[in-house]
């Protein structure tokens, strides 16, 4: 199924989803974190059709998430490795795994556990934190216009802020 591209949207989440939002893509990234490097290994681990895997790998290489290197003289053996940009997806993958373990795991439990290599302890739940270490929930965070915001974005965010202010002061607009 063909999806509309979000590449031209003025939204970091939409633009990120344009690159990594398709489910095979995140599973490929997961496998890369697990140490999978070669096309055949990805295919065997994921059970993905070769043409789909080829497309997703090309997109991840073109998007700078994976780097490809030739590992044989004839150039037929290739390895795919995460780039710095790809490794920056680590907290996203961990957060999704933890969310799935909590809400979508099999009745007998999650199939893998993530542990701190040094201590053997389970990873703590990924949570946004304030600079002072406090855990932040949705009510603790406000969305403000960033440097790339359009005039329409700024207007919309000001309206949201005004509505929130009105609700907190007991006045409704």
C-alpha atoms as a PDB file:
ATOM      1  CA  UNK A   1       0.000   0.000   0.000  1.00  0.00           C
ATOM      2  CA  UNK A   2       1.331   3.439  -0.971  1.00  0.00           C
ATOM      3  CA  UNK A   3       1.375   6.124   1.691  1.00  0.00           C
ATOM      4  CA  UNK A   4       1.488   9.869   1.295  1.00  0.00           C
ATOM      5  CA  UNK A   5       4.951  11.262   1.943  1.00  0.00           C
ATOM      6  CA  UNK A   6       5.410  13.476   4.981  1.00  0.00           C
ATOM      7  CA  UNK A   7       8.826  14.699   3.795  1.00  0.00           C
ATOM      8  CA  UNK A   8       7.545  18.212   3.086  1.00  0.00           C
ATOM      9  CA  UNK A   9       5.634  18.614   6.357  1.00  0.00           C
ATOM     10  CA  UNK A  10       6.902  21.123   8.868  1.00  0.00           C
ATOM     11  CA  UNK A  11       6.801  18.574  11.691  1.00  0.00           C
ATOM     12  CA  UNK A  12       9.748  16.579  13.010  1.00  0.00           C
ATOM     13  CA  UNK A  13       7.520  13.634  13.966  1.00  0.00           C
ATOM     14  CA  UNK A  14       5.908  13.481  10.517  1.00  0.00           C
ATOM     15  CA  UNK A  15       9.280  13.744   8.776  1.00  0.00           C
ATOM     16  CA  UNK A  16      10.705  11.020  11.036  1.00  0.00           C
ATOM     17  CA  UNK A  17       7.766   8.753  10.240  1.00  0.00           C
ATOM     18  CA  UNK A  18       8.406   9.347   6.554  1.00  0.00           C
ATOM     19  CA  UNK A  19      11.782   7.651   7.005  1.00  0.00           C
ATOM     20  CA  UNK A  20      11.191   5.076   9.756  1.00  0.00           C
ATOM     21  CA  UNK A  21       7.410   4.831  10.206  1.00  0.00           C
ATOM     22  CA  UNK A  22       6.757   1.717   8.130  1.00  0.00           C
ATOM     23  CA  UNK A  23       6.732  -1.391  10.377  1.00  0.00           C
ATOM     24  CA  UNK A  24       9.341  -3.402   8.449  1.00  0.00           C
ATOM     25  CA  UNK A  25      11.709  -0.459   8.758  1.00  0.00           C
ATOM     26  CA  UNK A  26      11.719  -0.428  12.560  1.00  0.00           C
ATOM     27  CA  UNK A  27      12.068  -4.202  12.631  1.00  0.00           C
ATOM     28  CA  UNK A  28      15.129  -3.902  10.375  1.00  0.00           C
ATOM     29  CA  UNK A  29      16.556  -1.278  12.747  1.00  0.00           C
ATOM     30  CA  UNK A  30      15.806  -3.587  15.705  1.00  0.00           C
ATOM     31  CA  UNK A  31      17.682  -6.402  13.967  1.00  0.00           C
ATOM     32  CA  UNK A  32      20.618  -4.076  13.294  1.00  0.00           C
ATOM     33  CA  UNK A  33      20.756  -3.327  17.038  1.00  0.00           C
ATOM     34  CA  UNK A  34      20.728  -7.100  17.677  1.00  0.00           C
ATOM     35  CA  UNK A  35      23.790  -7.428  15.412  1.00  0.00           C
ATOM     36  CA  UNK A  36      22.238  -8.517  12.128  1.00  0.00           C
ATOM     37  CA  UNK A  37      24.429  -7.259   9.267  1.00  0.00           C
ATOM     38  CA  UNK A  38      23.773  -9.143   6.014  1.00  0.00           C
ATOM     39  CA  UNK A  39      20.807  -9.189   3.671  1.00  0.00           C
ATOM     40  CA  UNK A  40      20.232 -12.930   4.120  1.00  0.00           C
ATOM     41  CA  UNK A  41      20.359 -12.595   7.889  1.00  0.00           C
ATOM     42  CA  UNK A  42      17.748  -9.822   7.862  1.00  0.00           C
ATOM     43  CA  UNK A  43      15.565 -11.898   5.561  1.00  0.00           C
ATOM     44  CA  UNK A  44      15.893 -15.037   7.696  1.00  0.00           C
ATOM     45  CA  UNK A  45      15.236 -13.229  10.993  1.00  0.00           C
ATOM     46  CA  UNK A  46      12.283 -11.216   9.727  1.00  0.00           C
ATOM     47  CA  UNK A  47      10.703 -13.497   7.107  1.00  0.00           C
ATOM     48  CA  UNK A  48      10.462 -10.446   4.861  1.00  0.00           C
ATOM     49  CA  UNK A  49      10.103 -10.637   1.077  1.00  0.00           C
ATOM     50  CA  UNK A  50      13.415  -9.877  -0.684  1.00  0.00           C
ATOM     51  CA  UNK A  51      11.961  -7.017  -2.729  1.00  0.00           C
ATOM     52  CA  UNK A  52      10.504  -5.351   0.380  1.00  0.00           C
ATOM     53  CA  UNK A  53      13.785  -5.806   2.274  1.00  0.00           C
ATOM     54  CA  UNK A  54      15.734  -4.331  -0.646  1.00  0.00           C
ATOM     55  CA  UNK A  55      13.454  -1.268  -0.729  1.00  0.00           C
ATOM     56  CA  UNK A  56      13.621  -0.714   3.032  1.00  0.00           C
ATOM     57  CA  UNK A  57      17.402  -1.154   3.194  1.00  0.00           C
ATOM     58  CA  UNK A  58      17.857   1.335   0.333  1.00  0.00           C
ATOM     59  CA  UNK A  59      15.607   3.837   2.097  1.00  0.00           C
ATOM     60  CA  UNK A  60      17.514   3.451   5.362  1.00  0.00           C
ATOM     61  CA  UNK A  61      20.866   3.833   3.579  1.00  0.00           C
ATOM     62  CA  UNK A  62      19.623   6.850   1.581  1.00  0.00           C
ATOM     63  CA  UNK A  63      18.200   8.341   4.795  1.00  0.00           C
ATOM     64  CA  UNK A  64      21.511   7.952   6.621  1.00  0.00           C
ATOM     65  CA  UNK A  65      20.243   5.422   9.188  1.00  0.00           C
ATOM     66  CA  UNK A  66      22.337   2.538   7.849  1.00  0.00           C
ATOM     67  CA  UNK A  67      25.683   2.494   6.072  1.00  0.00           C
ATOM     68  CA  UNK A  68      26.492  -0.268   3.617  1.00  0.00           C
ATOM     69  CA  UNK A  69      29.971  -1.677   3.080  1.00  0.00           C
ATOM     70  CA  UNK A  70      31.267  -4.282   0.661  1.00  0.00           C
ATOM     71  CA  UNK A  71      32.826  -7.224   2.453  1.00  0.00           C
ATOM     72  CA  UNK A  72      34.033  -9.232  -0.547  1.00  0.00           C
ATOM     73  CA  UNK A  73      36.292  -8.580  -3.528  1.00  0.00           C
ATOM     74  CA  UNK A  74      33.478  -8.964  -6.055  1.00  0.00           C
ATOM     75  CA  UNK A  75      31.215  -6.536  -4.161  1.00  0.00           C
ATOM     76  CA  UNK A  76      28.393  -9.059  -3.793  1.00  0.00           C
ATOM     77  CA  UNK A  77      28.675  -9.478  -0.034  1.00  0.00           C
ATOM     78  CA  UNK A  78      27.406  -6.394   1.766  1.00  0.00           C
ATOM     79  CA  UNK A  79      27.051  -5.463   5.399  1.00  0.00           C
ATOM     80  CA  UNK A  80      24.609  -2.955   6.806  1.00  0.00           C
ATOM     81  CA  UNK A  81      25.556  -1.130   9.986  1.00  0.00           C
ATOM     82  CA  UNK A  82      23.846   1.563  11.987  1.00  0.00           C
ATOM     83  CA  UNK A  83      25.238   5.072  11.546  1.00  0.00           C
ATOM     84  CA  UNK A  84      25.265   7.659  14.341  1.00  0.00           C
ATOM     85  CA  UNK A  85      21.822   8.691  13.091  1.00  0.00           C
ATOM     86  CA  UNK A  86      20.692   5.066  13.290  1.00  0.00           C
ATOM     87  CA  UNK A  87      22.162   4.567  16.770  1.00  0.00           C
ATOM     88  CA  UNK A  88      20.220   7.660  17.879  1.00  0.00           C
ATOM     89  CA  UNK A  89      17.095   5.506  17.386  1.00  0.00           C
ATOM     90  CA  UNK A  90      18.165   3.347  20.348  1.00  0.00           C
ATOM     91  CA  UNK A  91      15.937   5.088  22.940  1.00  0.00           C
ATOM     92  CA  UNK A  92      13.002   4.915  20.497  1.00  0.00           C
ATOM     93  CA  UNK A  93      13.459   1.158  20.024  1.00  0.00           C
ATOM     94  CA  UNK A  94      13.869   0.584  23.780  1.00  0.00           C
ATOM     95  CA  UNK A  95      10.758   2.670  24.542  1.00  0.00           C
ATOM     96  CA  UNK A  96       8.713   0.734  21.953  1.00  0.00           C
ATOM     97  CA  UNK A  97       9.948  -2.619  23.271  1.00  0.00           C
ATOM     98  CA  UNK A  98       9.088  -1.589  26.838  1.00  0.00           C
ATOM     99  CA  UNK A  99       5.654  -0.331  25.773  1.00  0.00           C
ATOM    100  CA  UNK A 100       5.033  -3.603  23.926  1.00  0.00           C
ATOM    101  CA  UNK A 101       6.237  -5.652  26.906  1.00  0.00           C
ATOM    102  CA  UNK A 102       3.785  -3.780  29.096  1.00  0.00           C
ATOM    103  CA  UNK A 103       0.761  -3.686  26.776  1.00  0.00           C
ATOM    104  CA  UNK A 104       1.194  -6.216  23.943  1.00  0.00           C
ATOM    105  CA  UNK A 105       3.292  -9.108  25.300  1.00  0.00           C
ATOM    106  CA  UNK A 106       2.310 -12.752  24.950  1.00  0.00           C
ATOM    107  CA  UNK A 107       0.497 -14.204  27.993  1.00  0.00           C
ATOM    108  CA  UNK A 108       3.693 -16.008  29.077  1.00  0.00           C
ATOM    109  CA  UNK A 109       5.698 -12.768  28.922  1.00  0.00           C
ATOM    110  CA  UNK A 110       8.059 -10.879  26.628  1.00  0.00           C
ATOM    111  CA  UNK A 111      10.324 -12.903  24.321  1.00  0.00           C
ATOM    112  CA  UNK A 112      13.459 -10.912  25.166  1.00  0.00           C
ATOM    113  CA  UNK A 113      14.643  -8.916  28.145  1.00  0.00           C
ATOM    114  CA  UNK A 114      16.840  -5.847  27.975  1.00  0.00           C
ATOM    115  CA  UNK A 115      19.530  -5.756  30.646  1.00  0.00           C
ATOM    116  CA  UNK A 116      22.369  -3.490  31.653  1.00  0.00           C
ATOM    117  CA  UNK A 117      25.439  -5.401  30.449  1.00  0.00           C
ATOM    118  CA  UNK A 118      27.541  -4.286  33.466  1.00  0.00           C
ATOM    119  CA  UNK A 119      25.042  -5.088  36.240  1.00  0.00           C
ATOM    120  CA  UNK A 120      22.691  -7.614  34.633  1.00  0.00           C
ATOM    121  CA  UNK A 121      19.780  -5.534  35.892  1.00  0.00           C
ATOM    122  CA  UNK A 122      16.704  -4.870  33.708  1.00  0.00           C
ATOM    123  CA  UNK A 123      16.710  -1.470  32.017  1.00  0.00           C
ATOM    124  CA  UNK A 124      14.550   1.072  33.831  1.00  0.00           C
ATOM    125  CA  UNK A 125      11.486   2.281  31.986  1.00  0.00           C
ATOM    126  CA  UNK A 126      12.305   4.965  29.411  1.00  0.00           C
ATOM    127  CA  UNK A 127      10.663   8.177  30.547  1.00  0.00           C
ATOM    128  CA  UNK A 128      11.124  11.841  29.690  1.00  0.00           C
ATOM    129  CA  UNK A 129      12.883  13.649  32.496  1.00  0.00           C
ATOM    130  CA  UNK A 130      13.411  17.252  33.468  1.00  0.00           C
ATOM    131  CA  UNK A 131      16.927  18.638  33.742  1.00  0.00           C
ATOM    132  CA  UNK A 132      16.727  17.999  37.512  1.00  0.00           C
ATOM    133  CA  UNK A 133      15.797  14.322  36.990  1.00  0.00           C
ATOM    134  CA  UNK A 134      12.052  14.546  37.668  1.00  0.00           C
ATOM    135  CA  UNK A 135       9.925  12.194  35.529  1.00  0.00           C
ATOM    136  CA  UNK A 136       7.712  14.273  33.241  1.00  0.00           C
ATOM    137  CA  UNK A 137       4.223  13.208  32.183  1.00  0.00           C
ATOM    138  CA  UNK A 138       2.163  14.769  29.390  1.00  0.00           C
ATOM    139  CA  UNK A 139       0.660  17.362  31.751  1.00  0.00           C
ATOM    140  CA  UNK A 140       4.168  18.507  32.758  1.00  0.00           C
ATOM    141  CA  UNK A 141       5.252  19.415  29.229  1.00  0.00           C
ATOM    142  CA  UNK A 142       4.188  22.336  27.088  1.00  0.00           C
ATOM    143  CA  UNK A 143       4.591  22.616  23.357  1.00  0.00           C
ATOM    144  CA  UNK A 144       6.040  25.941  22.216  1.00  0.00           C
ATOM    145  CA  UNK A 145       7.042  27.252  18.821  1.00  0.00           C
ATOM    146  CA  UNK A 146      10.536  26.280  17.809  1.00  0.00           C
ATOM    147  CA  UNK A 147      12.894  28.153  15.514  1.00  0.00           C
ATOM    148  CA  UNK A 148      11.482  26.393  12.429  1.00  0.00           C
ATOM    149  CA  UNK A 149       7.824  27.117  13.244  1.00  0.00           C
ATOM    150  CA  UNK A 150       5.741  28.802  10.578  1.00  0.00           C
ATOM    151  CA  UNK A 151       3.439  31.720  11.338  1.00  0.00           C
ATOM    152  CA  UNK A 152       0.491  29.290  11.234  1.00  0.00           C
ATOM    153  CA  UNK A 153       2.269  26.981  13.716  1.00  0.00           C
ATOM    154  CA  UNK A 154       2.898  29.905  16.065  1.00  0.00           C
ATOM    155  CA  UNK A 155      -0.726  31.020  15.829  1.00  0.00           C
ATOM    156  CA  UNK A 156      -2.036  27.495  16.489  1.00  0.00           C
ATOM    157  CA  UNK A 157       0.265  27.016  19.485  1.00  0.00           C
ATOM    158  CA  UNK A 158      -0.709  30.395  20.919  1.00  0.00           C
ATOM    159  CA  UNK A 159      -4.388  29.407  20.622  1.00  0.00           C
ATOM    160  CA  UNK A 160      -3.721  26.092  22.403  1.00  0.00           C
ATOM    161  CA  UNK A 161      -1.841  27.947  25.154  1.00  0.00           C
ATOM    162  CA  UNK A 162      -4.698  30.462  25.523  1.00  0.00           C
ATOM    163  CA  UNK A 163      -7.292  27.656  25.797  1.00  0.00           C
ATOM    164  CA  UNK A 164      -5.185  25.865  28.409  1.00  0.00           C
ATOM    165  CA  UNK A 165      -4.776  29.120  30.375  1.00  0.00           C
ATOM    166  CA  UNK A 166      -8.527  29.723  30.229  1.00  0.00           C
ATOM    167  CA  UNK A 167      -9.267  26.186  31.480  1.00  0.00           C
ATOM    168  CA  UNK A 168      -6.811  26.488  34.354  1.00  0.00           C
ATOM    169  CA  UNK A 169      -8.264  29.848  35.411  1.00  0.00           C
ATOM    170  CA  UNK A 170     -11.862  28.580  35.158  1.00  0.00           C
ATOM    171  CA  UNK A 171     -12.775  30.738  32.117  1.00  0.00           C
ATOM    172  CA  UNK A 172     -13.741  28.952  28.904  1.00  0.00           C
ATOM    173  CA  UNK A 173     -13.226  30.327  25.407  1.00  0.00           C
END
